[in-house]
Every structure is written in structure tokens, then in C-alpha cells.
């Protein structure tokens, strides 16, 4: 069973076997959750970008053909706006 020592600053290094099993890498976060049985559970708090796919929807603004034509005419005439 893997184990770790606590430093004077209260830090531990997760053994490689534990990191591998949790799927955590340098910079990832882990959570320590107190279970109903009185034990702590260590869980990876890594987030895959695909997990949040669709959480933010782009703002779409409608543009009419007439407004596009106006912009093209102005730009063609050398105007900035």
C-alpha cells in the first residue's frame, strides 16, 4: 500500500502509483472529501475541456443583407464607418 510522509509545512507528495491511478499530473488539483464512514477520500479534480463543451454559447447577432451592402459601399468609398 502506498504511503507518504507529511513535511513540516503540512505537505505530502502523492506516490507515483497513486498519481497514476488518479490520472493526475503536475499542476492538477486533488480534493480531500470526508466520507460518511469517517474516512477521507482523495479524488482528482482534473477537468477535461470536453466536459464543459456547450456550457457557453456564442452570442449571435443577425445581419441583414441591406446592412452588409451599406458597409461594402462605404468601405469601397474609403470610409471607415
C-alpha atoms as a PDB file:
ATOM      1  CA  UNK A   1       0.000   0.000   0.000  1.00  0.00           C
ATOM      2  CA  UNK A   2       1.490   3.377  -0.974  1.00  0.00           C
ATOM      3  CA  UNK A   3       2.139   5.901   1.784  1.00  0.00           C
ATOM      4  CA  UNK A   4       3.535   9.429   2.152  1.00  0.00           C
ATOM      5  CA  UNK A   5       5.149  11.490   4.891  1.00  0.00           C
ATOM      6  CA  UNK A   6       3.897  14.901   5.948  1.00  0.00           C
ATOM      7  CA  UNK A   7       6.507  17.692   5.798  1.00  0.00           C
ATOM      8  CA  UNK A   8       6.910  20.411   8.425  1.00  0.00           C
ATOM      9  CA  UNK A   9       4.773  22.617   6.157  1.00  0.00           C
ATOM     10  CA  UNK A  10       1.947  20.068   6.150  1.00  0.00           C
ATOM     11  CA  UNK A  11       2.615  18.960   2.583  1.00  0.00           C
ATOM     12  CA  UNK A  12       2.721  15.480   1.108  1.00  0.00           C
ATOM     13  CA  UNK A  13       3.925  14.078  -2.184  1.00  0.00           C
ATOM     14  CA  UNK A  14       1.482  11.663  -3.750  1.00  0.00           C
ATOM     15  CA  UNK A  15       3.285   8.443  -4.621  1.00  0.00           C
ATOM     16  CA  UNK A  16       3.589   7.738  -8.342  1.00  0.00           C
ATOM     17  CA  UNK A  17       1.244   4.757  -8.119  1.00  0.00           C
ATOM     18  CA  UNK A  18      -1.461   6.987  -6.584  1.00  0.00           C
ATOM     19  CA  UNK A  19      -0.916   9.775  -9.165  1.00  0.00           C
ATOM     20  CA  UNK A  20      -1.143   7.245 -11.981  1.00  0.00           C
ATOM     21  CA  UNK A  21      -4.322   5.657 -10.587  1.00  0.00           C
ATOM     22  CA  UNK A  22      -5.949   9.078 -10.111  1.00  0.00           C
ATOM     23  CA  UNK A  23      -4.758  10.284 -13.511  1.00  0.00           C
ATOM     24  CA  UNK A  24      -3.247  13.463 -12.075  1.00  0.00           C
ATOM     25  CA  UNK A  25      -0.191  15.279 -13.389  1.00  0.00           C
ATOM     26  CA  UNK A  26       1.873  18.263 -12.331  1.00  0.00           C
ATOM     27  CA  UNK A  27      -0.382  21.270 -11.733  1.00  0.00           C
ATOM     28  CA  UNK A  28      -3.590  19.225 -11.382  1.00  0.00           C
ATOM     29  CA  UNK A  29      -5.710  19.533  -8.260  1.00  0.00           C
ATOM     30  CA  UNK A  30      -6.922  16.835  -5.890  1.00  0.00           C
ATOM     31  CA  UNK A  31      -9.825  17.079  -3.455  1.00  0.00           C
ATOM     32  CA  UNK A  32      -9.943  15.573   0.030  1.00  0.00           C
ATOM     33  CA  UNK A  33     -13.541  14.711   0.886  1.00  0.00           C
ATOM     34  CA  UNK A  34     -14.688  13.470   4.284  1.00  0.00           C
ATOM     35  CA  UNK A  35     -16.786  10.356   3.782  1.00  0.00           C
ATOM     36  CA  UNK A  36     -19.808   9.241   5.789  1.00  0.00           C
ATOM     37  CA  UNK A  37     -17.743   6.379   7.217  1.00  0.00           C
ATOM     38  CA  UNK A  38     -15.302   8.807   8.836  1.00  0.00           C
ATOM     39  CA  UNK A  39     -12.557   8.327   6.230  1.00  0.00           C
ATOM     40  CA  UNK A  40     -11.155  10.810   3.766  1.00  0.00           C
ATOM     41  CA  UNK A  41     -11.458  10.128   0.066  1.00  0.00           C
ATOM     42  CA  UNK A  42      -8.924  11.608  -2.358  1.00  0.00           C
ATOM     43  CA  UNK A  43     -10.373  12.488  -5.761  1.00  0.00           C
ATOM     44  CA  UNK A  44      -8.828  14.079  -8.826  1.00  0.00           C
ATOM     45  CA  UNK A  45     -10.278  17.493  -9.636  1.00  0.00           C
ATOM     46  CA  UNK A  46      -8.986  17.488 -13.174  1.00  0.00           C
ATOM     47  CA  UNK A  47     -11.292  18.866 -15.814  1.00  0.00           C
ATOM     48  CA  UNK A  48     -11.290  17.897 -19.433  1.00  0.00           C
ATOM     49  CA  UNK A  49     -12.366  20.715 -21.740  1.00  0.00           C
ATOM     50  CA  UNK A  50     -14.775  18.325 -23.412  1.00  0.00           C
ATOM     51  CA  UNK A  51     -16.616  18.076 -20.072  1.00  0.00           C
ATOM     52  CA  UNK A  52     -17.699  21.718 -20.394  1.00  0.00           C
ATOM     53  CA  UNK A  53     -18.445  21.654 -24.113  1.00  0.00           C
ATOM     54  CA  UNK A  54     -21.566  23.680 -24.804  1.00  0.00           C
ATOM     55  CA  UNK A  55     -21.570  25.435 -21.421  1.00  0.00           C
ATOM     56  CA  UNK A  56     -21.001  28.785 -23.130  1.00  0.00           C
ATOM     57  CA  UNK A  57     -22.946  29.604 -26.245  1.00  0.00           C
ATOM     58  CA  UNK A  58     -21.676  32.266 -28.621  1.00  0.00           C
ATOM     59  CA  UNK A  59     -23.712  35.420 -28.963  1.00  0.00           C
ATOM     60  CA  UNK A  60     -25.095  35.640 -32.455  1.00  0.00           C
ATOM     61  CA  UNK A  61     -26.144  38.914 -33.991  1.00  0.00           C
ATOM     62  CA  UNK A  62     -28.261  38.928 -37.079  1.00  0.00           C
ATOM     63  CA  UNK A  63     -27.060  40.981 -40.021  1.00  0.00           C
ATOM     64  CA  UNK A  64     -29.326  41.960 -42.859  1.00  0.00           C
ATOM     65  CA  UNK A  65     -28.280  41.911 -46.482  1.00  0.00           C
ATOM     66  CA  UNK A  66     -29.039  45.651 -46.659  1.00  0.00           C
ATOM     67  CA  UNK A  67     -26.650  46.460 -43.795  1.00  0.00           C
ATOM     68  CA  UNK A  68     -23.923  44.359 -45.435  1.00  0.00           C
ATOM     69  CA  UNK A  69     -24.404  46.241 -48.709  1.00  0.00           C
ATOM     70  CA  UNK A  70     -24.146  49.600 -46.861  1.00  0.00           C
ATOM     71  CA  UNK A  71     -20.856  48.556 -45.258  1.00  0.00           C
ATOM     72  CA  UNK A  72     -19.457  47.338 -48.576  1.00  0.00           C
ATOM     73  CA  UNK A  73     -20.428  50.617 -50.286  1.00  0.00           C
ATOM     74  CA  UNK A  74     -18.875  52.695 -47.501  1.00  0.00           C
ATOM     75  CA  UNK A  75     -15.671  50.660 -47.467  1.00  0.00           C
ATOM     76  CA  UNK A  76     -15.475  50.876 -51.215  1.00  0.00           C
ATOM     77  CA  UNK A  77     -15.782  54.653 -50.955  1.00  0.00           C
ATOM     78  CA  UNK A  78     -12.903  54.767 -48.466  1.00  0.00           C
ATOM     79  CA  UNK A  79     -14.985  55.498 -45.344  1.00  0.00           C
ATOM     80  CA  UNK A  80     -14.022  53.836 -42.080  1.00  0.00           C
ATOM     81  CA  UNK A  81     -17.547  53.579 -40.624  1.00  0.00           C
END
